[in-house]
Protein backbone atom coordinates (compact mmCIF):
# COMPACT_ATOMS: atom_id res chain seq x y z
CA MET A 1 0.00 0.00 0.00
CA SER A 2 1.27 3.48 -0.84
CA THR A 3 1.70 5.72 2.20
CA LYS A 4 2.70 8.85 0.27
CA PRO A 5 0.14 11.65 0.00
CA LEU A 6 -1.12 12.48 -3.46
CA ALA A 7 0.53 15.88 -3.37
CA TRP A 8 3.92 14.18 -3.01
CA TYR A 9 3.41 12.41 -6.35
CA VAL A 10 2.31 15.64 -8.01
CA LEU A 11 5.26 17.67 -6.73
CA ALA A 12 7.64 14.89 -7.72
CA VAL A 13 6.31 15.01 -11.27
CA PHE A 14 6.49 18.80 -11.39
CA SER A 15 10.14 18.79 -10.33
CA LEU A 16 11.04 16.04 -12.77
CA VAL A 17 9.34 17.17 -15.94
CA GLY A 18 9.32 20.93 -15.50
CA LEU A 19 5.61 21.48 -14.90
CA PRO A 20 4.35 24.33 -12.72
CA SER A 21 4.36 23.34 -9.05
CA ALA A 22 0.61 23.63 -8.54
CA TRP A 23 -2.56 21.54 -8.82
CA GLY A 24 -4.48 22.09 -12.06
CA ALA A 25 -8.09 23.17 -11.69
CA SER A 26 -9.23 20.28 -13.86
CA GLY A 27 -8.75 17.68 -11.12
CA ASP A 28 -6.32 15.62 -13.18
CA LEU A 29 -4.38 12.93 -11.36
CA VAL A 30 -0.69 13.07 -12.35
CA LEU A 31 1.67 10.25 -11.41
CA ALA A 32 5.44 10.16 -11.82
CA ALA A 33 6.48 6.89 -13.45
CA GLU A 34 9.55 6.39 -11.27
CA HIS A 35 7.47 6.66 -8.09
CA ALA A 36 4.68 4.36 -9.26
CA THR A 37 3.73 1.54 -6.91
CA ILE A 38 3.82 -1.07 -9.69
CA ARG A 39 7.29 -1.43 -11.20
CA THR A 40 8.02 -5.00 -12.26
CA GLU A 41 11.14 -4.42 -14.38
CA GLY A 42 13.31 -1.42 -15.13
CA ALA A 43 15.35 1.37 -13.54
CA PRO A 44 15.05 5.11 -12.85
CA GLN A 45 16.39 7.52 -15.43
CA PRO A 46 18.85 10.29 -14.54
CA GLY A 47 16.90 13.53 -14.40
CA GLY A 48 13.52 11.83 -14.11
CA GLY A 49 11.50 9.06 -15.67
CA TRP A 50 11.65 5.29 -15.72
CA ASN A 51 13.42 2.97 -18.15
CA LEU A 52 10.95 0.11 -18.59
CA TYR A 53 12.69 -3.01 -19.88
CA SER A 54 12.45 -6.79 -20.06
CA ASN A 55 8.75 -6.54 -20.92
CA GLY A 56 7.89 -5.13 -17.52
CA GLU A 57 5.06 -2.95 -16.27
CA VAL A 58 4.73 0.42 -14.55
CA GLY A 59 1.52 1.71 -13.00
CA ASP A 60 -0.47 2.38 -9.88
CA PHE A 61 -3.69 1.76 -7.99
CA ILE A 62 -6.35 4.41 -8.47
CA ARG A 63 -9.94 5.02 -7.43
CA VAL A 64 -12.47 6.74 -9.66
CA GLY A 65 -15.62 8.10 -8.06
CA THR A 66 -17.73 8.26 -11.21
CA SER A 67 -18.27 5.75 -14.00
CA GLY A 68 -17.40 7.10 -17.42
CA ARG A 69 -14.69 7.60 -20.03
CA TYR A 70 -11.41 8.91 -18.67
CA HIS A 71 -8.71 10.53 -20.79
CA VAL A 72 -5.35 8.97 -19.97
CA THR A 73 -2.15 10.49 -21.33
CA ILE A 74 1.19 8.70 -21.15
CA ARG A 75 4.31 10.77 -21.72
CA ALA A 76 6.92 8.40 -23.17
CA TRP A 77 9.86 8.09 -25.52
CA GLY A 78 11.94 5.24 -26.85
CA SER A 79 14.88 3.86 -28.77
CA PRO A 80 14.57 1.42 -31.70
CA ALA A 81 16.38 -1.84 -32.45
CA GLY A 82 16.42 -3.56 -35.81
CA GLY A 83 14.44 -0.67 -37.23
CA VAL A 84 11.54 -1.39 -34.85
CA TRP A 85 10.41 1.09 -32.21
CA PRO A 86 9.07 0.02 -28.80
CA GLU A 87 5.41 -0.87 -28.40
CA MET A 88 3.51 -0.20 -25.21
CA ALA A 89 0.10 -1.35 -24.03
CA LEU A 90 -2.22 0.34 -21.59
CA LEU A 91 -3.53 -2.15 -19.04
CA LEU A 92 -6.68 -1.69 -16.98
CA ASP A 93 -7.02 -4.22 -14.17
CA ASN A 94 -4.33 -6.32 -15.89
CA ASP A 95 -6.34 -6.44 -19.12
CA PRO A 96 -4.56 -5.00 -22.20
CA LEU A 97 -6.83 -2.36 -23.73
CA THR A 98 -4.82 -1.11 -26.67
CA ASN A 99 -1.22 -0.77 -27.74
CA VAL A 100 0.71 1.95 -29.55
CA THR A 101 4.14 2.28 -31.11
CA VAL A 102 6.41 4.87 -29.50
CA ARG A 103 8.19 6.35 -32.52
CA SER A 104 10.11 9.20 -30.95
CA ALA A 105 13.35 9.57 -29.02
CA ASN A 106 11.92 12.72 -27.41
CA PRO A 107 9.21 12.81 -24.71
CA THR A 108 5.84 12.66 -26.46
CA ASP A 109 2.26 12.45 -25.19
CA TYR A 110 0.22 9.36 -26.15
CA PRO A 111 -3.53 9.70 -25.46
CA PHE A 112 -5.99 6.93 -24.55
CA ASP A 113 -9.72 6.99 -23.80
CA VAL A 114 -10.56 4.45 -21.11
CA ALA A 115 -13.98 3.41 -19.82
CA MET A 116 -13.86 2.87 -16.05
CA VAL A 117 -16.59 2.07 -13.57
CA ALA A 118 -16.63 3.73 -10.17
CA GLY A 119 -14.30 1.98 -7.73
CA PRO A 120 -10.68 0.88 -7.43
CA HIS A 121 -8.60 -0.07 -10.47
CA THR A 122 -5.09 -0.95 -11.52
CA LEU A 123 -3.78 1.23 -14.35
CA ALA A 124 -0.42 0.39 -15.89
CA VAL A 125 1.72 0.44 -19.02
CA ALA A 126 3.45 -2.70 -20.34
CA PHE A 127 6.47 -2.87 -22.65
CA LEU A 128 5.59 -5.36 -25.39
CA ASN A 129 8.67 -5.91 -27.55
CA ASP A 130 11.90 -5.43 -25.63
CA ALA A 131 14.85 -6.69 -27.64
CA LEU A 132 18.61 -6.45 -28.01
CA ILE A 133 19.68 -6.81 -31.64
CA GLY A 134 23.42 -6.58 -32.09
CA LYS A 135 24.40 -3.38 -30.33
CA GLU A 136 20.95 -1.84 -30.66
CA ASP A 137 18.88 -1.94 -27.47
CA ARG A 138 15.15 -1.32 -27.81
CA ASN A 139 13.97 0.66 -24.78
CA LEU A 140 10.79 2.30 -23.54
CA TYR A 141 10.99 5.33 -21.24
CA LEU A 142 8.08 6.73 -19.24
CA ALA A 143 7.81 10.14 -17.61
CA ARG A 144 4.29 10.37 -16.22
CA PHE A 145 0.65 9.30 -16.31
CA THR A 146 -2.08 11.94 -16.46
CA ILE A 147 -5.66 10.82 -15.77
CA LYS A 148 -8.34 13.34 -16.68
CA PRO A 149 -11.89 12.64 -15.45
CA PRO A 150 -15.07 13.22 -17.51
CA ALA A 151 -16.62 16.67 -17.23
CA GLY A 152 -18.27 17.09 -13.86
CA ALA A 153 -16.86 13.87 -12.44
CA VAL A 154 -15.10 13.47 -9.10
CA ALA A 155 -11.33 13.67 -9.47
CA PRO A 156 -9.55 10.29 -9.40
CA VAL A 157 -7.25 9.58 -6.44
CA LEU A 158 -4.71 6.98 -5.45
CA ALA A 159 -6.21 3.81 -3.99
CA ALA A 160 -4.96 1.44 -1.33
CA ARG A 161 -3.28 -1.59 -2.85
CA SER A 162 -4.83 -3.78 -0.16
CA GLU A 163 -8.29 -3.02 -1.52
CA LEU A 164 -7.47 -4.42 -4.95
CA ASP A 165 -5.50 -7.28 -3.41
CA GLU A 166 -8.60 -8.42 -1.54
CA ILE A 167 -10.63 -8.38 -4.75
CA ALA A 168 -7.91 -10.30 -6.61
CA ALA A 169 -7.60 -12.89 -3.83
CA ARG A 170 -11.34 -13.57 -3.88
CA ARG A 171 -11.31 -13.82 -7.64
CA GLU A 172 -8.44 -16.33 -7.59
CA THR A 173 -10.25 -18.48 -5.04
CA GLU A 174 -13.39 -18.48 -7.21
CA ILE A 175 -11.43 -19.37 -10.36
CA VAL A 176 -9.62 -22.30 -8.77
CA ALA A 177 -12.82 -23.61 -7.18
CA ALA A 178 -14.56 -23.58 -10.56
CA THR A 179 -11.89 -25.74 -12.23
CA ALA A 180 -13.14 -29.00 -10.71
CA ALA A 181 -16.44 -28.90 -12.56
CA ALA A 182 -14.76 -27.82 -15.80
CA ILE A 183 -12.21 -30.64 -15.58
CA GLU A 184 -14.95 -33.18 -14.92
CA ARG A 185 -16.81 -31.97 -17.99
CA ILE A 186 -13.88 -31.46 -20.40
CA ARG A 187 -11.30 -34.11 -19.49
CA LYS A 188 -13.54 -37.09 -18.71
CA SER A 189 -16.09 -39.24 -20.53
CA ASP A 190 -18.53 -42.00 -19.68
CA ALA A 191 -17.66 -45.63 -20.33
CA LEU A 192 -19.49 -48.92 -19.96
CA ILE A 193 -17.89 -52.31 -19.47
CA ARG A 194 -20.14 -55.19 -20.68
CA VAL A 195 -19.15 -58.66 -19.50
CA VAL A 196 -20.60 -61.64 -21.33
CA ASP A 197 -19.90 -65.36 -21.42
CA ALA A 198 -18.93 -67.41 -24.49
CA ALA A 199 -22.59 -67.57 -25.51
CA GLY A 200 -22.96 -63.78 -25.31
CA LYS A 201 -25.05 -63.82 -22.14
CA PRO A 202 -24.44 -61.12 -19.48
CA VAL A 203 -22.32 -62.15 -16.50
CA ALA A 204 -23.50 -60.61 -13.24
CA GLY A 205 -21.19 -60.17 -10.23
CA ALA A 206 -17.97 -60.35 -12.26
CA GLN A 207 -14.96 -58.67 -10.63
CA VAL A 208 -13.85 -55.68 -12.74
CA THR A 209 -10.61 -53.65 -12.41
CA VAL A 210 -10.11 -50.58 -14.59
CA THR A 211 -6.60 -49.09 -14.75
CA GLN A 212 -5.55 -46.04 -16.75
CA SER A 213 -2.15 -46.75 -18.26
CA ALA A 214 -1.58 -43.49 -20.18
CA HIS A 215 -3.06 -40.01 -20.13
CA GLU A 216 -4.26 -38.28 -23.30
CA PHE A 217 -3.12 -34.90 -21.91
CA LEU A 218 0.59 -34.12 -22.15
CA PHE A 219 2.23 -33.37 -18.79
CA GLY A 220 5.81 -32.52 -19.70
CA CYS A 221 9.19 -31.08 -18.84
CA ASN A 222 12.44 -30.41 -20.62
CA ILE A 223 14.82 -33.34 -20.23
CA PHE A 224 18.07 -31.41 -20.59
CA GLU A 225 19.75 -32.99 -17.54
CA PHE A 226 19.14 -36.55 -18.77
CA ALA A 227 22.84 -37.41 -18.39
CA SER A 228 22.89 -36.41 -14.71
CA GLY A 229 21.95 -39.90 -13.58
CA THR A 230 19.40 -42.54 -12.74
CA ALA A 231 17.69 -40.54 -9.99
CA TYR A 232 16.85 -37.72 -12.42
CA ARG A 233 15.42 -40.10 -14.98
CA GLN A 234 13.41 -41.99 -12.37
CA ARG A 235 11.84 -38.80 -11.03
CA PHE A 236 11.07 -37.72 -14.59
CA ALA A 237 9.26 -40.95 -15.47
CA GLU A 238 7.32 -40.95 -12.19
CA LEU A 239 5.69 -37.62 -13.04
CA PHE A 240 5.78 -36.83 -16.76
CA ASN A 241 4.58 -38.42 -20.00
CA TYR A 242 6.07 -35.79 -22.32
CA ALA A 243 9.66 -34.56 -22.77
CA THR A 244 11.18 -31.56 -24.52
CA VAL A 245 14.40 -32.61 -26.26
CA GLY A 246 16.96 -29.85 -26.93
CA PHE A 247 18.29 -29.02 -30.39
CA TYR A 248 19.86 -25.59 -29.74
CA TRP A 249 22.07 -25.17 -32.77
CA ARG A 250 24.91 -23.37 -30.97
CA TRP A 251 25.64 -26.35 -28.72
CA TYR A 252 24.19 -29.12 -30.85
CA GLU A 253 26.57 -28.62 -33.78
CA GLU A 254 29.67 -26.91 -32.42
CA GLU A 255 31.64 -28.27 -35.37
CA ARG A 256 30.02 -27.94 -38.73
CA GLY A 257 28.69 -31.24 -39.98
CA GLN A 258 29.05 -32.90 -36.55
CA PRO A 259 25.63 -32.74 -34.84
CA LYS A 260 25.38 -34.52 -31.50
CA TYR A 261 22.92 -37.16 -32.61
CA ALA A 262 24.42 -39.83 -30.33
CA ASP A 263 23.33 -37.95 -27.20
CA THR A 264 19.83 -37.38 -28.56
CA ASP A 265 19.52 -41.01 -29.63
CA LYS A 266 20.00 -42.11 -26.01
CA VAL A 267 17.30 -39.72 -24.78
CA VAL A 268 14.89 -40.78 -27.51
CA ALA A 269 15.42 -44.48 -26.84
CA TRP A 270 14.84 -44.03 -23.11
CA CYS A 271 11.68 -41.98 -23.67
CA GLN A 272 10.30 -44.58 -26.05
CA GLU A 273 11.04 -47.33 -23.55
CA HIS A 274 9.10 -45.42 -20.88
CA HIS A 275 6.22 -44.43 -23.19
CA ILE A 276 7.09 -40.74 -22.96
CA ARG A 277 6.19 -38.66 -26.01
CA MET A 278 8.64 -36.04 -27.20
CA LYS A 279 8.93 -32.54 -28.61
CA GLY A 280 12.00 -31.23 -30.45
CA HIS A 281 12.97 -27.66 -29.47
CA PRO A 282 14.10 -25.55 -31.28
CA LEU A 283 15.46 -26.20 -34.78
CA LEU A 284 15.88 -22.50 -35.63
CA TRP A 285 16.10 -19.45 -33.37
CA GLY A 286 17.17 -15.84 -33.87
CA ASP A 287 18.83 -15.76 -30.44
CA GLU A 288 22.56 -16.39 -30.00
CA ALA A 289 21.73 -19.91 -28.80
CA GLY A 290 20.28 -20.58 -32.24
CA VAL A 291 23.43 -19.54 -34.12
CA PRO A 292 26.18 -22.18 -34.45
CA PRO A 293 29.68 -20.95 -33.53
CA TRP A 294 31.01 -21.56 -37.02
CA SER A 295 28.43 -19.25 -38.60
CA HIS A 296 28.66 -15.48 -38.86
CA GLY A 297 25.09 -14.61 -37.93
CA GLN A 298 22.10 -16.70 -38.89
CA PRO A 299 23.07 -19.52 -41.28
CA ALA A 300 21.90 -19.13 -44.86
CA PRO A 301 18.38 -20.38 -45.71
CA GLU A 302 19.76 -23.44 -47.52
CA LEU A 303 21.61 -24.48 -44.35
CA GLN A 304 18.51 -23.86 -42.25
CA ARG A 305 16.44 -26.02 -44.57
CA GLN A 306 19.04 -28.79 -44.54
CA ARG A 307 19.01 -28.81 -40.74
CA VAL A 308 15.22 -29.05 -40.58
CA GLN A 309 15.27 -31.84 -43.15
CA ASP A 310 18.07 -33.86 -41.53
CA ILE A 311 16.62 -33.76 -38.00
CA LEU A 312 13.00 -34.40 -38.94
CA ASN A 313 13.99 -37.31 -41.12
CA ARG A 314 16.26 -38.84 -38.49
CA TYR A 315 13.59 -38.75 -35.78
CA ARG A 316 10.59 -39.48 -37.98
CA ASP A 317 8.03 -41.60 -36.10
CA LYS A 318 9.97 -41.04 -32.87
CA ILE A 319 9.53 -37.36 -32.02
CA ASP A 320 5.96 -36.26 -32.71
CA PHE A 321 6.01 -32.55 -31.83
CA TRP A 322 8.33 -29.82 -33.11
CA GLU A 323 8.97 -26.17 -32.37
CA VAL A 324 10.68 -25.38 -35.65
CA VAL A 325 11.27 -21.65 -35.02
CA ASN A 326 11.47 -20.32 -31.48
CA GLU A 327 10.14 -16.93 -30.35
CA PRO A 328 9.51 -15.50 -33.83
CA ALA A 329 7.57 -12.48 -32.56
CA HIS A 330 10.66 -11.26 -30.70
CA GLN A 331 13.29 -12.01 -33.35
CA PRO A 332 13.33 -10.48 -36.84
CA VAL A 333 14.83 -13.66 -38.34
CA PRO A 334 14.21 -16.40 -39.09
CA LYS A 335 10.59 -15.93 -39.99
CA ILE A 336 8.28 -18.91 -39.67
CA ASP A 337 6.88 -18.95 -43.20
CA ASP A 338 9.41 -21.07 -45.08
CA PRO A 339 10.69 -23.26 -42.18
CA TYR A 340 7.20 -24.49 -41.30
CA ARG A 341 6.45 -25.21 -44.93
CA TRP A 342 9.73 -27.16 -45.17
CA ALA A 343 8.81 -29.15 -42.06
CA ARG A 344 5.34 -30.00 -43.33
CA ALA A 345 6.75 -31.12 -46.70
CA ILE A 346 9.41 -33.26 -45.01
CA ASN A 347 7.02 -34.97 -42.59
CA SER A 348 3.30 -34.44 -43.07
CA ASN A 349 2.61 -36.20 -39.75
CA ALA A 350 4.79 -33.90 -37.65
CA TYR A 351 2.86 -31.74 -35.17
CA LEU A 352 4.21 -28.20 -35.59
CA ILE A 353 4.11 -25.62 -32.77
CA VAL A 354 4.88 -21.89 -32.90
CA ASN A 355 6.24 -20.81 -29.52
CA ASP A 356 6.80 -17.40 -27.87
CA TYR A 357 7.09 -15.64 -24.52
CA HIS A 358 5.49 -12.84 -22.49
CA VAL A 359 2.08 -14.04 -23.63
CA LEU A 360 0.63 -14.47 -20.13
CA ALA A 361 1.88 -11.07 -19.03
CA ASP A 362 0.04 -8.86 -21.52
CA GLY A 363 -1.22 -11.11 -24.29
CA CYS A 364 1.82 -10.31 -26.47
CA PRO A 365 -0.11 -8.60 -29.31
CA PRO A 366 2.82 -8.97 -31.78
CA PHE A 367 2.66 -12.77 -31.34
CA PHE A 368 -1.10 -12.89 -31.80
CA HIS A 369 -0.82 -10.78 -34.94
CA LEU A 370 1.99 -12.98 -36.28
CA LEU A 371 -0.17 -16.09 -35.82
CA GLN A 372 -3.18 -14.43 -37.42
CA THR A 373 -1.09 -13.47 -40.44
CA ALA A 374 0.50 -16.92 -40.67
CA LYS A 375 -2.89 -18.58 -40.60
CA GLN A 376 -4.22 -16.25 -43.31
CA ASN A 377 -1.15 -16.95 -45.46
CA GLY A 378 -1.48 -20.70 -45.14
CA VAL A 379 1.64 -21.25 -43.05
CA PRO A 380 1.18 -24.76 -41.63
CA PHE A 381 1.14 -25.06 -37.84
CA ASP A 382 -0.92 -27.18 -35.46
CA GLY A 383 -0.34 -25.73 -32.02
CA ILE A 384 0.43 -22.46 -30.27
CA GLY A 385 3.17 -22.52 -27.64
CA ILE A 386 2.58 -20.09 -24.76
CA GLN A 387 5.69 -19.73 -22.62
CA ALA A 388 5.02 -19.07 -18.94
CA HIS A 389 8.08 -17.40 -17.46
CA GLU A 390 8.27 -13.75 -18.56
CA PRO A 391 8.52 -11.53 -16.61
CA ARG A 392 10.46 -14.10 -14.65
CA THR A 393 9.23 -13.16 -11.18
CA MET A 394 5.61 -12.59 -12.16
CA ARG A 395 2.89 -14.66 -10.56
CA PHE A 396 0.50 -14.42 -13.49
CA PRO A 397 -3.00 -13.56 -12.22
CA LEU A 398 -5.19 -16.55 -12.99
CA ASP A 399 -8.01 -14.47 -14.43
CA ARG A 400 -5.49 -13.03 -16.89
CA VAL A 401 -4.31 -16.55 -17.70
CA GLN A 402 -7.88 -17.55 -18.52
CA GLN A 403 -8.46 -14.46 -20.64
CA THR A 404 -5.26 -15.05 -22.58
CA LEU A 405 -6.10 -18.69 -23.23
CA ASP A 406 -9.57 -17.67 -24.41
CA ARG A 407 -8.13 -15.11 -26.80
CA TYR A 408 -5.54 -17.41 -28.35
CA ALA A 409 -8.10 -20.21 -28.61
CA THR A 410 -10.00 -18.04 -31.10
CA LEU A 411 -7.25 -18.85 -33.61
CA GLY A 412 -8.60 -22.40 -33.76
CA LYS A 413 -5.39 -24.17 -32.75
CA GLU A 414 -4.52 -26.28 -29.71
CA LEU A 415 -2.65 -24.42 -26.98
CA HIS A 416 0.54 -25.73 -25.36
CA ILE A 417 1.76 -24.15 -22.12
CA THR A 418 5.54 -24.21 -22.47
CA GLU A 419 8.43 -23.30 -20.19
CA PHE A 420 6.41 -22.84 -16.98
CA THR A 421 8.97 -21.75 -14.41
CA PRO A 422 7.82 -20.65 -10.96
CA THR A 423 10.98 -20.77 -8.84
CA SER A 424 11.90 -21.19 -5.19
CA GLY A 425 15.01 -19.01 -5.31
CA GLY A 426 13.81 -16.23 -3.02
CA ASP A 427 13.03 -13.55 -5.61
CA LYS A 428 10.25 -11.11 -4.83
CA ILE A 429 6.85 -12.10 -6.24
CA THR A 430 5.60 -9.52 -8.74
CA GLY A 431 2.35 -8.90 -10.60
CA SER A 432 0.19 -10.49 -7.93
CA HIS A 433 -2.00 -9.80 -4.91
CA LEU A 434 0.60 -11.82 -2.95
CA HIS A 435 3.65 -9.86 -1.85
CA GLY A 436 6.05 -12.45 -0.48
CA VAL A 437 8.96 -14.18 -2.16
CA TRP A 438 9.23 -17.20 -4.41
CA ASP A 439 10.10 -19.88 -1.87
CA GLU A 440 9.23 -23.59 -1.99
CA ALA A 441 5.77 -23.08 -0.52
CA ALA A 442 4.89 -20.31 -2.99
CA GLN A 443 6.24 -22.39 -5.88
CA ALA A 444 4.08 -25.38 -4.94
CA ASP A 445 0.95 -23.33 -4.26
CA TYR A 446 1.06 -21.51 -7.59
CA ALA A 447 2.06 -24.56 -9.62
CA VAL A 448 -1.02 -26.48 -8.46
CA LYS A 449 -3.39 -23.58 -9.08
CA PHE A 450 -1.88 -22.83 -12.48
CA TYR A 451 -2.10 -26.48 -13.58
CA ARG A 452 -5.73 -26.64 -12.48
CA VAL A 453 -6.66 -23.56 -14.50
CA CYS A 454 -4.85 -24.73 -17.64
CA PHE A 455 -6.08 -28.34 -17.41
CA ALA A 456 -9.61 -26.97 -17.09
CA HIS A 457 -9.36 -25.03 -20.36
CA PRO A 458 -10.71 -26.96 -23.37
CA ALA A 459 -8.12 -25.62 -25.83
CA VAL A 460 -5.03 -26.62 -23.82
CA ARG A 461 -3.25 -29.80 -24.97
CA ALA A 462 -0.07 -29.76 -22.89
CA ILE A 463 1.74 -28.17 -19.95
CA THR A 464 5.55 -28.25 -19.92
CA LYS A 465 7.50 -27.47 -16.74
CA TRP A 466 10.92 -25.82 -17.10
CA ASP A 467 13.07 -27.39 -15.34
CA LEU A 468 12.85 -30.66 -13.36
CA SER A 469 15.89 -30.19 -11.10
CA ASP A 470 17.75 -27.24 -9.63
CA ARG A 471 20.89 -28.88 -11.04
CA GLY A 472 21.39 -27.08 -14.32
CA ALA A 473 18.14 -25.12 -14.01
CA TRP A 474 17.78 -22.08 -16.23
CA LEU A 475 16.67 -19.93 -13.27
CA LYS A 476 17.85 -20.22 -9.67
CA GLY A 477 15.48 -22.54 -7.81
CA GLY A 478 13.53 -23.26 -11.01
CA GLY A 479 13.38 -27.02 -10.55
CA LEU A 480 10.80 -29.24 -8.91
CA LEU A 481 13.69 -31.17 -7.36
CA HIS A 482 16.63 -30.01 -5.30
CA ALA A 483 20.08 -30.42 -6.84
CA ASP A 484 20.41 -33.77 -5.04
CA MET A 485 17.20 -34.93 -6.78
CA SER A 486 15.12 -34.93 -3.61
CA PRO A 487 11.58 -33.63 -4.25
CA LYS A 488 10.44 -30.15 -3.34
CA PRO A 489 6.84 -29.61 -2.21
CA ALA A 490 5.96 -28.60 -5.79
CA TYR A 491 7.02 -31.99 -7.15
CA THR A 492 5.02 -33.84 -4.50
CA ALA A 493 1.96 -31.66 -5.07
CA LEU A 494 2.04 -32.07 -8.85
CA GLN A 495 2.62 -35.80 -8.53
CA HIS A 496 -0.52 -36.11 -6.41
CA LEU A 497 -2.45 -33.97 -8.90
CA ILE A 498 -1.31 -35.69 -12.09
CA ARG A 499 -0.84 -39.27 -10.95
CA ASP A 500 -3.60 -39.54 -8.36
CA GLU A 501 -6.36 -36.96 -8.72
CA TRP A 502 -6.27 -36.84 -12.52
CA GLN A 503 -5.95 -40.56 -13.25
CA THR A 504 -8.67 -43.18 -13.16
CA HIS A 505 -8.27 -46.46 -11.24
CA LEU A 506 -11.47 -48.30 -10.30
CA ALA A 507 -12.67 -51.69 -9.12
CA GLY A 508 -16.12 -53.17 -8.69
CA THR A 509 -18.57 -55.81 -9.86
CA THR A 510 -20.96 -56.00 -12.78
CA ASP A 511 -24.66 -55.48 -12.11
CA ALA A 512 -27.49 -57.85 -12.97
CA ALA A 513 -27.19 -56.88 -16.63
CA GLY A 514 -23.47 -57.70 -16.64
CA GLN A 515 -22.47 -54.04 -16.82
CA PHE A 516 -19.99 -51.83 -14.97
CA ALA A 517 -20.32 -48.11 -15.70
CA PHE A 518 -17.79 -45.43 -14.87
CA ARG A 519 -16.55 -41.98 -15.87
CA GLY A 520 -12.82 -41.62 -16.48
CA PHE A 521 -10.08 -39.35 -17.73
CA HIS A 522 -9.29 -39.61 -21.42
CA GLY A 523 -6.43 -41.93 -22.30
CA GLU A 524 -5.34 -45.53 -22.59
CA TYR A 525 -6.78 -48.18 -20.26
CA ARG A 526 -6.62 -51.82 -19.29
CA VAL A 527 -9.68 -53.61 -17.99
CA ALA A 528 -9.32 -56.95 -16.18
CA VAL A 529 -12.33 -59.21 -15.52
CA ASN A 530 -11.91 -62.52 -13.69
CA GLY A 531 -8.37 -62.84 -15.05
CA VAL A 532 -9.20 -61.77 -18.62
CA ALA A 533 -7.40 -58.49 -19.57
CA GLN A 534 -8.23 -56.18 -22.45
CA PRO A 535 -6.89 -52.74 -23.51
CA PHE A 536 -9.13 -49.90 -24.67
CA THR A 537 -9.06 -46.17 -25.33
CA LEU A 538 -11.36 -43.71 -23.62
CA ALA A 539 -11.69 -40.69 -25.90
CA ARG A 540 -13.98 -37.69 -26.12
CA SER A 541 -16.65 -39.58 -28.03
CA PRO A 542 -20.15 -39.45 -26.51
CA ALA A 543 -20.12 -43.08 -25.40
CA CYS A 544 -17.50 -45.77 -24.95
CA VAL A 545 -18.71 -49.38 -24.66
CA ILE A 546 -16.21 -52.20 -24.09
CA THR A 547 -17.31 -55.79 -24.26
CA VAL A 548 -15.26 -58.40 -22.40
CA THR A 549 -16.00 -62.00 -23.25
CA LEU A 550 -15.23 -64.65 -20.65
CA ARG A 551 -14.36 -67.96 -22.25
């Protein structure tokens, strides 16, 4: 909660941006960006203002006394990279309203008209396309927010953060509570076991055991520390049925013409042995990790195509899912158009995913637009990968998660939650009604709630955790296991969720008509009746009837 009087904010702005040191008669609320309560990423600017970077947010908690349309002006400036200027979005209660391109290196006013109902709100600006391209650093700088009320309306004032936190906490509780019914409806179907004798007559009182052997939904993790030992692999197989296999060009082919297939072959063989499906990630990427050390910049298109062809052919019928180009909305090259067409021509059965980050923070409008355009242009892709770790300390509000999933589902593709990385490293939690730190308890609590919300959404096909162990984790404390492979509370909680609550194991006896009815999670099953075993698949079809004949 802010304890500074409103006049303090006003005077701070006046001193920083050269405005007269007096209240305007209009009742405008003026907030200095560098003193805003919400500052997820960035740093103060010498002489005044805030450098907003790493796709962060700046804003504050306000209260409007009258419902109506408010005129919001953001004074901002920027620096381009790769010929592209920064984009910023205005967020109201964490919902992106509209975005604009900041095309000036000098402070400029950007106006917005915002409909607000009377009461407390969160008003913020998000940086949508932060990037470092060569020596060019794309930046967004903010000086102030000015909020002008409608004619005759009560002037807006700062609000207590605790007031909005209470609203957000209640909303989160309601959202999580509603997932149970949605999961029951979306992820399960009815099935009927019919037991008959050799003559086809119903057998009453037969002992029936139904065991789910595989889940239709993909619960995954990257498997980058596969070589770390048996304990790692055992923990992986006990929890996950889906593995992300690394193909980062910089490390995968350090010497030209010498890709590290032998290492991948071991991972693939182990995953197949344990019935774990796989995704290859990524074949091409504009980041340094996607540029092999022997290449000066991105390899030529013919080399890119050869790589896609060689890898897809080698792992045909072994690796089902592929992220051919990684994070295309944040990198100018390579574009997805040709690579995804190459991949489809090479293997028509490959499931192709386009993957990017910062989607759960503000919807990432550039990514949504890229996918819209790709779909219109006939670029082949099957799934949308929504990374879940930027900004890295953000505890994404679950209502925003739902809204984002709903929006991307309108594109008509399956959604894959990728690179979900709540940590336990002690960083401050941002973007949430909770104000503690990311410790093991916070990691476990959010992981369970996040999984429930995503599993309850009909468009979501997969959730991939990033990473399994703190040994080699991308972010400090990012694993579900400690470095010694002992489980953290998050691992135990997810194991209970995935392996117990969300799997079907039943036993009973047939009724007088020789039937045993149940409702189960979609996937592969084995039914055993009086020593006779039979496999079957429970899918989303309206009815599943399995007949077991006792001979």
